[in-house]
Amino acid sequence: MTYFGDVISSYIQHLRTRVGNSLLLLPSTSVLPRDAAGRLLLVRLVDTGNWATIGGAVEPDESPRESAIREAREEAGINVELGGILGVLGGSDYRVTYPNGDESAYVVSVFDATVIDGTPGPDNEETSEVGWFRLGDLPLDQMGRLTRALFRDLGLA
């Protein structure tokens, strides 16, 4: 089971033992690495087959910036330099019900980023593929509702 691209953390597992499937409000990050041509790096998620942004839940005692850097390393094997925050997003389109009935609502801090080290590649646990996409060529029909909402709310789709 993954949460917004993350294999479920021990912290969320612990919360689930207390609240069951009830709604959890989770801070999260999304990273939009861009190359010199302005293309965005996306990852394909193993569990759904959907394209998504790099990102996931912020862990206890971790800042959103630290979370974004960690997620880029874990999901795509890259080190990034974060730019500015492109948006802090949430609302009904950022609410997910997982196949097991777990409900989560995400508040997503979205960071602009540049790859500074590493060659993008999937981790083959959470991600099965990586790809660079021009804004006009985003595979919106192959994205989940949350990812589509993120691009819409940022004015990128």
C-alpha atoms as a PDB file:
ATOM      1  CA  MET A   1       0.000   0.000   0.000  1.00  0.00           C
ATOM      2  CA  THR A   2       1.319   3.423  -0.874  1.00  0.00           C
ATOM      3  CA  TYR A   3       0.319   6.855   0.313  1.00  0.00           C
ATOM      4  CA  PHE A   4       0.707   9.565  -2.355  1.00  0.00           C
ATOM      5  CA  GLY A   5       3.601   7.647  -3.856  1.00  0.00           C
ATOM      6  CA  ASP A   6       5.092   6.508  -0.539  1.00  0.00           C
ATOM      7  CA  VAL A   7       5.247   2.979   0.689  1.00  0.00           C
ATOM      8  CA  ILE A   8       3.218   3.360   3.880  1.00  0.00           C
ATOM      9  CA  SER A   9       5.455   4.660   6.647  1.00  0.00           C
ATOM     10  CA  SER A  10       5.680   3.144  10.108  1.00  0.00           C
ATOM     11  CA  TYR A  11       4.207   6.390  11.460  1.00  0.00           C
ATOM     12  CA  ILE A  12       1.082   6.096   9.285  1.00  0.00           C
ATOM     13  CA  GLN A  13       0.855   2.375  10.054  1.00  0.00           C
ATOM     14  CA  HIS A  14       0.846   3.290  13.759  1.00  0.00           C
ATOM     15  CA  LEU A  15      -1.900   5.877  13.230  1.00  0.00           C
ATOM     16  CA  ARG A  16      -3.955   3.329  11.292  1.00  0.00           C
ATOM     17  CA  THR A  17      -3.860   0.921  14.263  1.00  0.00           C
ATOM     18  CA  ARG A  18      -5.536   3.697  16.277  1.00  0.00           C
ATOM     19  CA  VAL A  19      -8.044   5.148  13.792  1.00  0.00           C
ATOM     20  CA  GLY A  20      -8.646   2.296  11.361  1.00  0.00           C
ATOM     21  CA  ASN A  21      -9.724   3.518   7.945  1.00  0.00           C
ATOM     22  CA  SER A  22     -10.871   6.941   9.216  1.00  0.00           C
ATOM     23  CA  LEU A  23      -9.723  10.064   7.449  1.00  0.00           C
ATOM     24  CA  LEU A  24      -6.142  11.216   8.102  1.00  0.00           C
ATOM     25  CA  LEU A  25      -5.037  14.725   7.135  1.00  0.00           C
ATOM     26  CA  LEU A  26      -1.438  14.360   5.949  1.00  0.00           C
ATOM     27  CA  PRO A  27       1.154  16.998   5.080  1.00  0.00           C
ATOM     28  CA  SER A  28       2.997  16.020   1.924  1.00  0.00           C
ATOM     29  CA  THR A  29       5.383  17.287  -0.705  1.00  0.00           C
ATOM     30  CA  SER A  30       5.606  17.168  -4.463  1.00  0.00           C
ATOM     31  CA  VAL A  31       8.756  17.867  -6.458  1.00  0.00           C
ATOM     32  CA  LEU A  32       8.749  19.144 -10.039  1.00  0.00           C
ATOM     33  CA  PRO A  33      12.300  18.793 -11.369  1.00  0.00           C
ATOM     34  CA  ARG A  34      12.769  20.672 -14.644  1.00  0.00           C
ATOM     35  CA  ASP A  35      15.541  20.282 -17.186  1.00  0.00           C
ATOM     36  CA  ALA A  36      17.155  23.000 -19.339  1.00  0.00           C
ATOM     37  CA  ALA A  37      14.408  22.555 -21.955  1.00  0.00           C
ATOM     38  CA  GLY A  38      11.700  23.128 -19.330  1.00  0.00           C
ATOM     39  CA  ARG A  39      10.511  19.526 -19.282  1.00  0.00           C
ATOM     40  CA  LEU A  40       9.174  18.048 -16.029  1.00  0.00           C
ATOM     41  CA  LEU A  41      10.358  14.751 -14.553  1.00  0.00           C
ATOM     42  CA  LEU A  42       7.506  12.396 -13.624  1.00  0.00           C
ATOM     43  CA  VAL A  43       7.460   8.879 -12.203  1.00  0.00           C
ATOM     44  CA  ARG A  44       5.151   5.949 -12.947  1.00  0.00           C
ATOM     45  CA  LEU A  45       3.790   4.382  -9.756  1.00  0.00           C
ATOM     46  CA  VAL A  46       4.092   0.619  -9.330  1.00  0.00           C
ATOM     47  CA  ASP A  47       0.777   0.156  -7.508  1.00  0.00           C
ATOM     48  CA  THR A  48      -1.479   2.001  -9.992  1.00  0.00           C
ATOM     49  CA  GLY A  49       0.548   2.301 -13.192  1.00  0.00           C
ATOM     50  CA  ASN A  50      -0.265   6.028 -13.190  1.00  0.00           C
ATOM     51  CA  TRP A  51       2.179   8.818 -13.908  1.00  0.00           C
ATOM     52  CA  ALA A  52       2.677  11.127 -10.928  1.00  0.00           C
ATOM     53  CA  THR A  53       4.911  13.801  -9.540  1.00  0.00           C
ATOM     54  CA  ILE A  54       7.722  12.772  -7.241  1.00  0.00           C
ATOM     55  CA  GLY A  55       6.503  13.148  -3.690  1.00  0.00           C
ATOM     56  CA  GLY A  56       4.948  11.762  -0.576  1.00  0.00           C
ATOM     57  CA  ALA A  57       4.035  12.258   3.051  1.00  0.00           C
ATOM     58  CA  VAL A  58       6.210  14.356   5.342  1.00  0.00           C
ATOM     59  CA  GLU A  59       7.656  12.195   8.131  1.00  0.00           C
ATOM     60  CA  PRO A  60       7.675  13.231  11.812  1.00  0.00           C
ATOM     61  CA  ASP A  61      10.481  15.718  12.604  1.00  0.00           C
ATOM     62  CA  GLU A  62      11.105  16.278   8.881  1.00  0.00           C
ATOM     63  CA  SER A  63      10.637  19.648   7.178  1.00  0.00           C
ATOM     64  CA  PRO A  64       8.763  19.798   3.870  1.00  0.00           C
ATOM     65  CA  ARG A  65      12.047  20.700   2.138  1.00  0.00           C
ATOM     66  CA  GLU A  66      13.781  17.651   3.664  1.00  0.00           C
ATOM     67  CA  SER A  67      10.839  15.489   2.615  1.00  0.00           C
ATOM     68  CA  ALA A  68      11.006  16.734  -0.980  1.00  0.00           C
ATOM     69  CA  ILE A  69      14.744  16.036  -1.232  1.00  0.00           C
ATOM     70  CA  ARG A  70      14.317  12.567   0.330  1.00  0.00           C
ATOM     71  CA  GLU A  71      11.445  11.661  -1.987  1.00  0.00           C
ATOM     72  CA  ALA A  72      13.439  12.643  -5.097  1.00  0.00           C
ATOM     73  CA  ARG A  73      16.317  10.445  -3.969  1.00  0.00           C
ATOM     74  CA  GLU A  74      14.062   7.502  -3.026  1.00  0.00           C
ATOM     75  CA  GLU A  75      11.675   7.531  -5.991  1.00  0.00           C
ATOM     76  CA  ALA A  76      13.931   8.637  -8.863  1.00  0.00           C
ATOM     77  CA  GLY A  77      17.521   8.181  -7.624  1.00  0.00           C
ATOM     78  CA  ILE A  78      18.370  11.863  -7.987  1.00  0.00           C
ATOM     79  CA  ASN A  79      19.613  14.677  -5.814  1.00  0.00           C
ATOM     80  CA  VAL A  80      17.755  17.923  -6.372  1.00  0.00           C
ATOM     81  CA  GLU A  81      18.256  21.560  -5.565  1.00  0.00           C
ATOM     82  CA  LEU A  82      14.926  22.958  -4.538  1.00  0.00           C
ATOM     83  CA  GLY A  83      13.721  26.251  -5.906  1.00  0.00           C
ATOM     84  CA  GLY A  84      10.696  28.091  -4.672  1.00  0.00           C
ATOM     85  CA  ILE A  85       7.374  26.748  -3.513  1.00  0.00           C
ATOM     86  CA  LEU A  86       5.044  26.684  -6.511  1.00  0.00           C
ATOM     87  CA  GLY A  87       1.971  26.239  -4.352  1.00  0.00           C
ATOM     88  CA  VAL A  88       0.467  24.731  -1.229  1.00  0.00           C
ATOM     89  CA  LEU A  89      -2.579  22.778  -2.351  1.00  0.00           C
ATOM     90  CA  GLY A  90      -5.424  20.857  -0.787  1.00  0.00           C
ATOM     91  CA  GLY A  91      -9.165  20.387  -0.874  1.00  0.00           C
ATOM     92  CA  SER A  92     -11.592  17.722  -1.991  1.00  0.00           C
ATOM     93  CA  ASP A  93      -9.541  16.742  -5.070  1.00  0.00           C
ATOM     94  CA  TYR A  94      -6.635  15.901  -2.745  1.00  0.00           C
ATOM     95  CA  ARG A  95      -8.657  13.338  -0.816  1.00  0.00           C
ATOM     96  CA  VAL A  96      -7.957   9.679  -1.587  1.00  0.00           C
ATOM     97  CA  THR A  97      -9.708   6.471  -0.599  1.00  0.00           C
ATOM     98  CA  TYR A  98      -7.354   3.531  -1.026  1.00  0.00           C
ATOM     99  CA  PRO A  99      -8.515   0.034  -2.093  1.00  0.00           C
ATOM    100  CA  ASN A 100      -8.340  -1.177   1.523  1.00  0.00           C
ATOM    101  CA  GLY A 101     -10.708   1.633   2.612  1.00  0.00           C
ATOM    102  CA  ASP A 102      -8.091   3.921   4.188  1.00  0.00           C
ATOM    103  CA  GLU A 103      -8.993   7.581   3.685  1.00  0.00           C
ATOM    104  CA  SER A 104      -6.379  10.317   3.447  1.00  0.00           C
ATOM    105  CA  ALA A 105      -6.573  14.014   2.651  1.00  0.00           C
ATOM    106  CA  TYR A 106      -3.337  15.648   1.568  1.00  0.00           C
ATOM    107  CA  VAL A 107      -2.051  19.189   1.907  1.00  0.00           C
ATOM    108  CA  VAL A 108       0.741  19.317  -0.669  1.00  0.00           C
ATOM    109  CA  SER A 109       3.700  21.725  -0.693  1.00  0.00           C
ATOM    110  CA  VAL A 110       4.884  21.748  -4.318  1.00  0.00           C
ATOM    111  CA  PHE A 111       8.532  22.601  -4.981  1.00  0.00           C
ATOM    112  CA  ASP A 112      10.266  23.635  -8.172  1.00  0.00           C
ATOM    113  CA  ALA A 113      13.560  21.746  -8.490  1.00  0.00           C
ATOM    114  CA  THR A 114      16.655  21.092 -10.576  1.00  0.00           C
ATOM    115  CA  VAL A 115      18.510  17.781 -10.763  1.00  0.00           C
ATOM    116  CA  ILE A 116      22.042  18.377  -9.465  1.00  0.00           C
ATOM    117  CA  ASP A 117      23.296  14.786  -9.278  1.00  0.00           C
ATOM    118  CA  GLY A 118      22.294  11.344 -10.461  1.00  0.00           C
ATOM    119  CA  THR A 119      20.604   9.898 -13.506  1.00  0.00           C
ATOM    120  CA  PRO A 120      16.832   9.627 -13.100  1.00  0.00           C
ATOM    121  CA  GLY A 121      15.647   6.051 -12.803  1.00  0.00           C
ATOM    122  CA  PRO A 122      12.862   4.116 -11.074  1.00  0.00           C
ATOM    123  CA  ASP A 123      13.400   2.485  -7.694  1.00  0.00           C
ATOM    124  CA  ASN A 124      11.311  -0.552  -8.817  1.00  0.00           C
ATOM    125  CA  GLU A 125       9.519  -0.570  -5.432  1.00  0.00           C
ATOM    126  CA  GLU A 126       7.356   2.554  -5.610  1.00  0.00           C
ATOM    127  CA  THR A 127       8.211   3.612  -9.163  1.00  0.00           C
ATOM    128  CA  SER A 128       8.534   1.548 -12.328  1.00  0.00           C
ATOM    129  CA  GLU A 129       9.522   4.214 -14.843  1.00  0.00           C
ATOM    130  CA  VAL A 130      10.631   7.840 -15.080  1.00  0.00           C
ATOM    131  CA  GLY A 131      10.063  10.243 -17.936  1.00  0.00           C
ATOM    132  CA  TRP A 132      10.613  13.846 -18.982  1.00  0.00           C
ATOM    133  CA  PHE A 133       7.503  15.601 -20.307  1.00  0.00           C
ATOM    134  CA  ARG A 134       6.835  18.958 -21.932  1.00  0.00           C
ATOM    135  CA  LEU A 135       3.897  20.802 -20.381  1.00  0.00           C
ATOM    136  CA  GLY A 136       1.840  20.360 -23.562  1.00  0.00           C
ATOM    137  CA  ASP A 137       2.520  16.614 -23.553  1.00  0.00           C
ATOM    138  CA  LEU A 138       1.667  15.704 -19.942  1.00  0.00           C
ATOM    139  CA  PRO A 139      -0.016  12.256 -19.836  1.00  0.00           C
ATOM    140  CA  LEU A 140      -3.054  13.605 -17.935  1.00  0.00           C
ATOM    141  CA  ASP A 141      -5.199  10.620 -18.988  1.00  0.00           C
ATOM    142  CA  GLN A 142      -2.670   8.353 -17.260  1.00  0.00           C
ATOM    143  CA  MET A 143      -2.645  10.250 -13.946  1.00  0.00           C
ATOM    144  CA  GLY A 144      -4.725   9.890 -10.826  1.00  0.00           C
ATOM    145  CA  ARG A 145      -7.201  12.566  -9.734  1.00  0.00           C
ATOM    146  CA  LEU A 146      -4.820  14.134  -7.201  1.00  0.00           C
ATOM    147  CA  THR A 147      -1.999  14.555  -9.726  1.00  0.00           C
ATOM    148  CA  ARG A 148      -4.351  16.006 -12.343  1.00  0.00           C
ATOM    149  CA  ALA A 149      -5.688  18.438  -9.715  1.00  0.00           C
ATOM    150  CA  LEU A 150      -2.145  19.464  -8.796  1.00  0.00           C
ATOM    151  CA  PHE A 151      -1.274  20.359 -12.400  1.00  0.00           C
ATOM    152  CA  ARG A 152      -4.634  22.119 -12.833  1.00  0.00           C
ATOM    153  CA  ASP A 153      -4.274  24.133  -9.628  1.00  0.00           C
ATOM    154  CA  LEU A 154      -0.729  25.186 -10.555  1.00  0.00           C
ATOM    155  CA  GLY A 155      -1.993  26.326 -13.970  1.00  0.00           C
ATOM    156  CA  LEU A 156       0.262  23.820 -15.750  1.00  0.00           C
ATOM    157  CA  ALA A 157      -2.442  21.716 -17.431  1.00  0.00           C
END
